[in-house]
Every structure is written in C-alpha cells, then in structure tokens.
Amino acid sequence: MAANDKPEWRFVSFEETIREEFPHKTHYWHNRPDMVKDTTLLFVRCRILPGHAHKFHRHPKMEEILYVLSGTAEQWVEKEKHVMTAGQSLYLPANVVHGTYNIGRDALDFLAVLSPAKSEGPGTIEMGDEEPWKSLRPDPPR
C-alpha cells in the first residue's frame, strides 16, 4: 500500500519499522514520507555499535533533535565535543556539522527527529573525510 493510501495517523511497532542495515549501525524508521501520508517529519531510532559512529555530517535544509535512549555518545557540534548519556537531548539547526560517536562498551541507542522530511537537494552531506573534521576526530586504529 502506498503512503497516499494510508490514513493520516499511524501506530508503529518495533517490528513494523523499516530497518536499514549499515556496517556497525542500524536505522529503525518509524516515520518518513514513504510510510505516512504528507508528513513533514522524519523519525528514526539509531543503534551504533561500540567504537563506531555516524561521522561528521550536516543536513543542509533540516533541523534535528537527538535524544539518547541508552549508551554513551561523544557528540560533536561543529568543533565542540560533549558527552551525552540516557535522557539527554540536543537540538541542531539546519546545516550545522555534527557527529555522534559511541564511546561506551554497549550499543548506543538514540532517537532522531528531522524536519522538513522533504526538501530539494541531499538530505545529508558527509563531512568526516574533510578538514577540519577528519583531524578533530580521527578514526581509532582497528
């Protein structure tokens, strides 16, 4: 069933999320345009394994809220670092470079809400391989 055929409201169980697997990271989508008719929000639960990250990136036209469910995040905003744990949140305006690094022994689980869900151009631009970001937080040796 296409998103246009769905009602304007929707209950989503964990089993009904759209799951995206990446190396060392999983996204569990609860809300995005292909799931909910006319939504302006993206809502995803992210799980990052210990020692891994969602490296420096930016969302040119989307603001974002991050909320830590469990684990320990080394959260970078531009050139500033802050450690986040369960119950802490962060608001990011559009186009601000940020990165989330799991520095704990357990998986890092957090929620991300982004808006608007639809915009021209890329939703995310990776910055981790560019200066000054790659020098601020180099990858640990494996």
N, C-alpha and C. Protein backbone atom coordinates (compact mmCIF):
# COMPACT_ATOMS: atom_id res chain seq x y z
N MET A 1 0.84 -1.18 0.00
CA MET A 1 0.00 0.00 0.00
C MET A 1 0.89 1.25 0.00
N ALA A 2 0.65 2.17 -0.88
CA ALA A 2 1.43 3.41 -0.97
C ALA A 2 1.10 4.34 0.18
N ALA A 3 2.02 5.25 0.48
CA ALA A 3 1.81 6.20 1.58
C ALA A 3 0.54 7.02 1.36
N ASN A 4 0.19 7.28 0.10
CA ASN A 4 -1.02 8.08 -0.19
C ASN A 4 -2.29 7.36 0.23
N ASP A 5 -2.25 6.02 0.31
CA ASP A 5 -3.42 5.25 0.67
C ASP A 5 -3.57 5.07 2.18
N LYS A 6 -2.59 5.49 2.95
CA LYS A 6 -2.60 5.29 4.40
C LYS A 6 -3.34 6.44 5.07
N PRO A 7 -3.88 6.19 6.26
CA PRO A 7 -4.52 7.29 6.99
C PRO A 7 -3.47 8.30 7.45
N GLU A 8 -3.92 9.45 7.93
CA GLU A 8 -3.01 10.50 8.37
C GLU A 8 -2.32 10.13 9.67
N TRP A 9 -2.83 9.18 10.44
CA TRP A 9 -2.22 8.74 11.69
C TRP A 9 -1.73 7.31 11.52
N ARG A 10 -0.82 6.91 12.41
CA ARG A 10 -0.29 5.55 12.28
C ARG A 10 0.39 5.12 13.57
N PHE A 11 0.06 3.94 14.06
CA PHE A 11 0.79 3.28 15.13
C PHE A 11 1.90 2.46 14.48
N VAL A 12 3.09 2.46 15.07
CA VAL A 12 4.20 1.70 14.51
C VAL A 12 4.86 0.91 15.63
N SER A 13 4.80 -0.41 15.53
CA SER A 13 5.52 -1.25 16.49
C SER A 13 6.97 -1.38 16.02
N PHE A 14 7.82 -1.86 16.90
CA PHE A 14 9.22 -2.04 16.53
C PHE A 14 9.34 -2.99 15.35
N GLU A 15 8.51 -4.02 15.30
CA GLU A 15 8.54 -5.00 14.21
C GLU A 15 8.10 -4.39 12.88
N GLU A 16 7.34 -3.30 12.92
CA GLU A 16 6.85 -2.66 11.69
C GLU A 16 7.76 -1.56 11.17
N THR A 17 8.83 -1.24 11.90
CA THR A 17 9.74 -0.21 11.42
C THR A 17 10.41 -0.66 10.13
N ILE A 18 10.82 0.30 9.33
CA ILE A 18 11.62 0.00 8.15
C ILE A 18 13.07 -0.01 8.61
N ARG A 19 13.70 -1.15 8.47
CA ARG A 19 15.05 -1.36 9.00
C ARG A 19 16.08 -1.18 7.90
N GLU A 20 17.09 -0.34 8.16
CA GLU A 20 18.21 -0.14 7.25
C GLU A 20 19.48 -0.56 7.97
N GLU A 21 20.19 -1.50 7.38
CA GLU A 21 21.44 -2.01 7.96
C GLU A 21 22.63 -1.35 7.27
N PHE A 22 23.55 -0.86 8.07
CA PHE A 22 24.82 -0.32 7.60
C PHE A 22 25.91 -1.03 8.38
N PRO A 23 27.16 -0.95 7.93
CA PRO A 23 28.22 -1.54 8.76
C PRO A 23 28.25 -0.86 10.14
N HIS A 24 28.03 -1.64 11.18
CA HIS A 24 28.13 -1.19 12.57
C HIS A 24 27.03 -0.23 13.01
N LYS A 25 25.96 -0.08 12.20
CA LYS A 25 24.88 0.86 12.53
C LYS A 25 23.58 0.37 11.91
N THR A 26 22.48 0.53 12.65
CA THR A 26 21.16 0.17 12.13
C THR A 26 20.20 1.33 12.36
N HIS A 27 19.38 1.63 11.36
CA HIS A 27 18.31 2.62 11.47
C HIS A 27 16.98 1.87 11.51
N TYR A 28 16.11 2.28 12.43
CA TYR A 28 14.75 1.75 12.53
C TYR A 28 13.81 2.92 12.29
N TRP A 29 13.28 3.01 11.09
CA TRP A 29 12.43 4.15 10.71
C TRP A 29 11.01 3.97 11.23
N HIS A 30 10.54 4.94 11.97
CA HIS A 30 9.17 4.97 12.47
C HIS A 30 8.29 5.91 11.64
N ASN A 31 8.92 6.90 11.02
CA ASN A 31 8.16 7.87 10.26
C ASN A 31 9.02 8.48 9.18
N ARG A 32 8.53 8.42 7.95
CA ARG A 32 9.15 9.08 6.80
C ARG A 32 8.12 9.14 5.70
N PRO A 33 8.36 9.91 4.65
CA PRO A 33 7.32 10.12 3.64
C PRO A 33 6.77 8.87 2.97
N ASP A 34 7.55 7.79 2.85
CA ASP A 34 7.01 6.59 2.22
C ASP A 34 6.19 5.74 3.20
N MET A 35 6.08 6.20 4.45
CA MET A 35 5.32 5.47 5.46
C MET A 35 4.05 6.19 5.88
N VAL A 36 4.10 7.52 5.87
CA VAL A 36 3.00 8.33 6.40
C VAL A 36 2.66 9.43 5.40
N LYS A 37 1.39 9.52 5.09
CA LYS A 37 0.89 10.49 4.12
C LYS A 37 1.19 11.93 4.56
N ASP A 38 1.80 12.70 3.68
CA ASP A 38 2.02 14.14 3.86
C ASP A 38 2.79 14.53 5.11
N THR A 39 3.68 13.67 5.60
CA THR A 39 4.44 14.01 6.80
C THR A 39 5.50 15.07 6.52
N THR A 40 5.79 15.88 7.51
CA THR A 40 6.88 16.84 7.43
C THR A 40 8.01 16.44 8.37
N LEU A 41 7.88 15.26 9.01
CA LEU A 41 8.86 14.79 9.98
C LEU A 41 9.53 13.49 9.54
N LEU A 42 10.79 13.36 9.90
CA LEU A 42 11.50 12.09 9.84
C LEU A 42 11.75 11.68 11.27
N PHE A 43 11.48 10.41 11.61
CA PHE A 43 11.70 9.92 12.97
C PHE A 43 12.34 8.56 12.88
N VAL A 44 13.54 8.43 13.47
CA VAL A 44 14.30 7.20 13.36
C VAL A 44 14.98 6.88 14.69
N ARG A 45 15.02 5.59 15.00
CA ARG A 45 15.82 5.11 16.12
C ARG A 45 17.11 4.58 15.51
N CYS A 46 18.25 5.00 16.06
CA CYS A 46 19.55 4.58 15.56
C CYS A 46 20.27 3.76 16.61
N ARG A 47 20.93 2.72 16.16
CA ARG A 47 21.77 1.89 17.04
C ARG A 47 23.16 1.84 16.41
N ILE A 48 24.15 2.28 17.21
CA ILE A 48 25.54 2.28 16.77
C ILE A 48 26.32 1.37 17.71
N LEU A 49 27.08 0.45 17.14
CA LEU A 49 27.87 -0.49 17.93
C LEU A 49 29.07 0.22 18.58
N PRO A 50 29.59 -0.35 19.67
CA PRO A 50 30.73 0.27 20.36
C PRO A 50 31.91 0.52 19.41
N GLY A 51 32.52 1.70 19.57
CA GLY A 51 33.68 2.05 18.76
C GLY A 51 33.36 2.58 17.38
N HIS A 52 32.07 2.74 17.06
CA HIS A 52 31.68 3.20 15.73
C HIS A 52 30.88 4.49 15.83
N ALA A 53 30.47 5.02 14.68
CA ALA A 53 29.90 6.37 14.69
C ALA A 53 29.01 6.65 13.49
N HIS A 54 28.27 7.73 13.62
CA HIS A 54 27.73 8.45 12.47
C HIS A 54 28.62 9.68 12.39
N LYS A 55 29.66 9.57 11.55
CA LYS A 55 30.71 10.57 11.48
C LYS A 55 30.14 11.94 11.12
N PHE A 56 31.03 12.94 11.18
CA PHE A 56 30.63 14.31 10.90
C PHE A 56 29.82 14.41 9.61
N HIS A 57 28.70 15.10 9.71
CA HIS A 57 27.81 15.31 8.58
C HIS A 57 26.95 16.54 8.86
N ARG A 58 26.18 16.93 7.86
CA ARG A 58 25.24 18.04 8.05
C ARG A 58 23.99 17.79 7.22
N HIS A 59 22.91 18.42 7.63
CA HIS A 59 21.64 18.34 6.92
C HIS A 59 21.34 19.76 6.43
N PRO A 60 21.61 20.05 5.15
CA PRO A 60 21.55 21.43 4.65
C PRO A 60 20.24 22.17 4.93
N LYS A 61 19.11 21.46 4.85
CA LYS A 61 17.83 22.16 5.00
C LYS A 61 16.95 21.59 6.10
N MET A 62 17.51 20.70 6.94
CA MET A 62 16.71 20.09 8.00
C MET A 62 17.27 20.41 9.38
N GLU A 63 16.39 20.77 10.30
CA GLU A 63 16.79 20.86 11.69
C GLU A 63 16.61 19.47 12.31
N GLU A 64 17.25 19.23 13.46
CA GLU A 64 17.26 17.88 14.03
C GLU A 64 17.27 17.95 15.55
N ILE A 65 16.62 16.96 16.15
CA ILE A 65 16.71 16.74 17.59
C ILE A 65 17.21 15.32 17.79
N LEU A 66 18.23 15.17 18.63
CA LEU A 66 18.74 13.86 19.02
C LEU A 66 18.39 13.62 20.48
N TYR A 67 17.99 12.39 20.82
CA TYR A 67 17.65 12.02 22.20
C TYR A 67 18.27 10.66 22.50
N VAL A 68 19.14 10.60 23.50
CA VAL A 68 19.84 9.35 23.82
C VAL A 68 18.94 8.46 24.68
N LEU A 69 18.70 7.24 24.21
CA LEU A 69 17.94 6.24 24.97
C LEU A 69 18.84 5.46 25.90
N SER A 70 20.01 5.01 25.40
CA SER A 70 20.95 4.25 26.21
C SER A 70 22.32 4.32 25.57
N GLY A 71 23.34 4.10 26.40
CA GLY A 71 24.71 4.15 25.92
C GLY A 71 25.34 5.51 26.17
N THR A 72 26.54 5.68 25.63
CA THR A 72 27.31 6.91 25.83
C THR A 72 27.79 7.43 24.48
N ALA A 73 27.41 8.66 24.18
CA ALA A 73 27.78 9.28 22.91
C ALA A 73 28.78 10.39 23.14
N GLU A 74 29.82 10.40 22.33
CA GLU A 74 30.67 11.58 22.22
C GLU A 74 30.05 12.37 21.08
N GLN A 75 29.36 13.44 21.44
CA GLN A 75 28.61 14.21 20.45
C GLN A 75 29.39 15.47 20.09
N TRP A 76 29.67 15.61 18.82
CA TRP A 76 30.35 16.79 18.32
C TRP A 76 29.34 17.69 17.63
N VAL A 77 29.44 18.99 17.89
CA VAL A 77 28.68 20.02 17.18
C VAL A 77 29.71 21.04 16.73
N GLU A 78 29.89 21.12 15.40
CA GLU A 78 30.98 21.91 14.83
C GLU A 78 32.29 21.44 15.46
N LYS A 79 32.99 22.29 16.22
CA LYS A 79 34.28 21.90 16.80
C LYS A 79 34.19 21.67 18.31
N GLU A 80 32.98 21.57 18.83
CA GLU A 80 32.78 21.39 20.27
C GLU A 80 32.32 19.96 20.56
N LYS A 81 32.90 19.36 21.61
CA LYS A 81 32.60 17.97 21.99
C LYS A 81 31.86 17.97 23.33
N HIS A 82 30.86 17.08 23.43
CA HIS A 82 30.08 16.92 24.65
C HIS A 82 29.73 15.44 24.80
N VAL A 83 29.80 14.90 26.01
CA VAL A 83 29.39 13.51 26.24
C VAL A 83 27.91 13.51 26.62
N MET A 84 27.15 12.66 25.91
CA MET A 84 25.71 12.54 26.16
C MET A 84 25.39 11.13 26.64
N THR A 85 24.48 11.04 27.60
CA THR A 85 24.02 9.75 28.12
C THR A 85 22.50 9.74 28.12
N ALA A 86 21.92 8.62 28.56
CA ALA A 86 20.47 8.42 28.52
C ALA A 86 19.73 9.60 29.12
N GLY A 87 18.70 10.04 28.40
CA GLY A 87 17.84 11.13 28.86
C GLY A 87 18.28 12.50 28.40
N GLN A 88 19.41 12.60 27.73
CA GLN A 88 19.88 13.91 27.26
C GLN A 88 19.52 14.09 25.79
N SER A 89 19.30 15.36 25.42
CA SER A 89 18.92 15.66 24.04
C SER A 89 19.75 16.82 23.51
N LEU A 90 19.69 16.98 22.21
CA LEU A 90 20.41 18.04 21.51
C LEU A 90 19.54 18.53 20.38
N TYR A 91 19.42 19.86 20.27
CA TYR A 91 18.75 20.48 19.12
C TYR A 91 19.82 21.02 18.18
N LEU A 92 19.67 20.76 16.89
CA LEU A 92 20.60 21.24 15.86
C LEU A 92 19.84 22.01 14.79
N PRO A 93 20.20 23.26 14.55
CA PRO A 93 19.60 23.96 13.41
C PRO A 93 20.08 23.35 12.09
N ALA A 94 19.44 23.70 11.02
CA ALA A 94 19.83 23.20 9.70
C ALA A 94 21.27 23.61 9.38
N ASN A 95 21.97 22.71 8.67
CA ASN A 95 23.29 22.93 8.10
C ASN A 95 24.43 22.99 9.13
N VAL A 96 24.20 22.56 10.36
CA VAL A 96 25.26 22.55 11.37
C VAL A 96 25.97 21.19 11.31
N VAL A 97 27.29 21.21 11.20
CA VAL A 97 28.08 19.98 11.13
C VAL A 97 28.10 19.34 12.51
N HIS A 98 27.83 18.02 12.55
CA HIS A 98 27.80 17.28 13.81
C HIS A 98 28.16 15.82 13.55
N GLY A 99 28.52 15.13 14.61
CA GLY A 99 28.86 13.72 14.52
C GLY A 99 28.59 13.04 15.86
N THR A 100 28.16 11.78 15.81
CA THR A 100 27.82 11.01 17.00
C THR A 100 28.69 9.77 17.05
N TYR A 101 29.50 9.65 18.10
CA TYR A 101 30.47 8.56 18.24
C TYR A 101 30.15 7.76 19.49
N ASN A 102 30.05 6.45 19.35
CA ASN A 102 29.78 5.59 20.50
C ASN A 102 31.10 5.33 21.23
N ILE A 103 31.23 5.91 22.42
CA ILE A 103 32.46 5.73 23.20
C ILE A 103 32.25 4.77 24.37
N GLY A 104 31.07 4.15 24.45
CA GLY A 104 30.78 3.23 25.54
C GLY A 104 31.09 1.79 25.18
N ARG A 105 30.85 0.91 26.16
CA ARG A 105 31.07 -0.53 25.97
C ARG A 105 29.86 -1.22 25.35
N ASP A 106 28.72 -0.57 25.41
CA ASP A 106 27.47 -1.14 24.90
C ASP A 106 27.02 -0.38 23.66
N ALA A 107 26.02 -0.93 22.99
CA ALA A 107 25.44 -0.23 21.83
C ALA A 107 24.88 1.11 22.28
N LEU A 108 24.97 2.09 21.41
CA LEU A 108 24.38 3.41 21.63
C LEU A 108 23.06 3.43 20.89
N ASP A 109 21.97 3.69 21.61
CA ASP A 109 20.64 3.82 21.00
C ASP A 109 20.17 5.25 21.20
N PHE A 110 19.76 5.87 20.10
CA PHE A 110 19.22 7.23 20.21
C PHE A 110 18.12 7.44 19.18
N LEU A 111 17.30 8.43 19.44
CA LEU A 111 16.23 8.83 18.54
C LEU A 111 16.66 10.09 17.82
N ALA A 112 16.25 10.22 16.56
CA ALA A 112 16.48 11.44 15.80
C ALA A 112 15.19 11.85 15.13
N VAL A 113 14.84 13.11 15.28
CA VAL A 113 13.69 13.70 14.61
C VAL A 113 14.23 14.82 13.73
N LEU A 114 13.90 14.77 12.44
CA LEU A 114 14.36 15.78 11.50
C LEU A 114 13.18 16.37 10.75
N SER A 115 13.30 17.65 10.39
CA SER A 115 12.24 18.31 9.65
C SER A 115 12.84 19.46 8.84
N PRO A 116 12.32 19.71 7.64
CA PRO A 116 11.22 19.02 6.97
C PRO A 116 11.69 17.71 6.34
N ALA A 117 10.77 16.79 6.21
CA ALA A 117 11.08 15.47 5.66
C ALA A 117 11.43 15.53 4.18
N LYS A 118 10.89 16.50 3.47
CA LYS A 118 11.13 16.62 2.03
C LYS A 118 11.74 17.99 1.75
N SER A 119 12.82 18.00 0.97
CA SER A 119 13.42 19.25 0.54
C SER A 119 14.26 18.99 -0.70
N GLU A 120 14.59 20.03 -1.41
CA GLU A 120 15.43 19.91 -2.60
C GLU A 120 16.86 19.59 -2.17
N GLY A 121 17.55 18.84 -2.98
CA GLY A 121 18.95 18.54 -2.71
C GLY A 121 19.11 17.39 -1.73
N PRO A 122 20.37 17.09 -1.39
CA PRO A 122 20.61 15.95 -0.49
C PRO A 122 20.14 16.26 0.93
N GLY A 123 19.63 15.24 1.60
CA GLY A 123 19.22 15.40 3.00
C GLY A 123 20.40 15.42 3.93
N THR A 124 21.44 14.66 3.60
CA THR A 124 22.63 14.55 4.44
C THR A 124 23.88 14.68 3.56
N ILE A 125 24.84 15.46 4.03
CA ILE A 125 26.13 15.58 3.36
C ILE A 125 27.20 15.14 4.35
N GLU A 126 27.94 14.09 3.98
CA GLU A 126 29.00 13.57 4.84
C GLU A 126 30.19 14.52 4.82
N MET A 127 30.77 14.78 6.00
CA MET A 127 31.87 15.73 6.14
C MET A 127 33.10 15.11 6.80
N GLY A 128 33.01 13.86 7.25
CA GLY A 128 34.05 13.23 8.05
C GLY A 128 35.40 13.08 7.39
N ASP A 129 35.45 13.10 6.06
CA ASP A 129 36.72 12.96 5.36
C ASP A 129 37.30 14.31 4.94
N GLU A 130 36.67 15.39 5.39
CA GLU A 130 37.13 16.74 5.04
C GLU A 130 37.71 17.43 6.27
N GLU A 131 38.61 18.36 6.03
CA GLU A 131 39.14 19.18 7.11
C GLU A 131 38.14 20.28 7.45
N PRO A 132 38.07 20.70 8.69
CA PRO A 132 38.88 20.29 9.83
C PRO A 132 38.35 19.04 10.54
N TRP A 133 37.25 18.49 10.04
CA TRP A 133 36.55 17.42 10.75
C TRP A 133 37.38 16.15 10.89
N LYS A 134 38.08 15.75 9.85
CA LYS A 134 38.84 14.49 9.93
C LYS A 134 40.00 14.60 10.90
N SER A 135 40.51 15.80 11.16
CA SER A 135 41.58 15.97 12.14
C SER A 135 41.04 16.12 13.56
N LEU A 136 39.81 16.60 13.69
CA LEU A 136 39.20 16.76 15.03
C LEU A 136 38.95 15.41 15.69
N ARG A 137 38.47 14.46 14.90
CA ARG A 137 38.08 13.15 15.46
C ARG A 137 38.54 12.07 14.50
N PRO A 138 39.87 11.77 14.48
CA PRO A 138 40.32 10.72 13.57
C PRO A 138 39.78 9.34 14.00
N ASP A 139 39.65 8.45 13.03
CA ASP A 139 39.20 7.09 13.33
C ASP A 139 40.22 6.39 14.20
N PRO A 140 39.76 5.64 15.22
CA PRO A 140 40.72 4.89 16.04
C PRO A 140 41.29 3.73 15.23
N PRO A 141 42.55 3.33 15.52
CA PRO A 141 43.10 2.17 14.80
C PRO A 141 42.34 0.90 15.16
N ARG A 142 42.17 0.01 14.21
CA ARG A 142 41.43 -1.24 14.43
C ARG A 142 42.37 -2.41 14.34
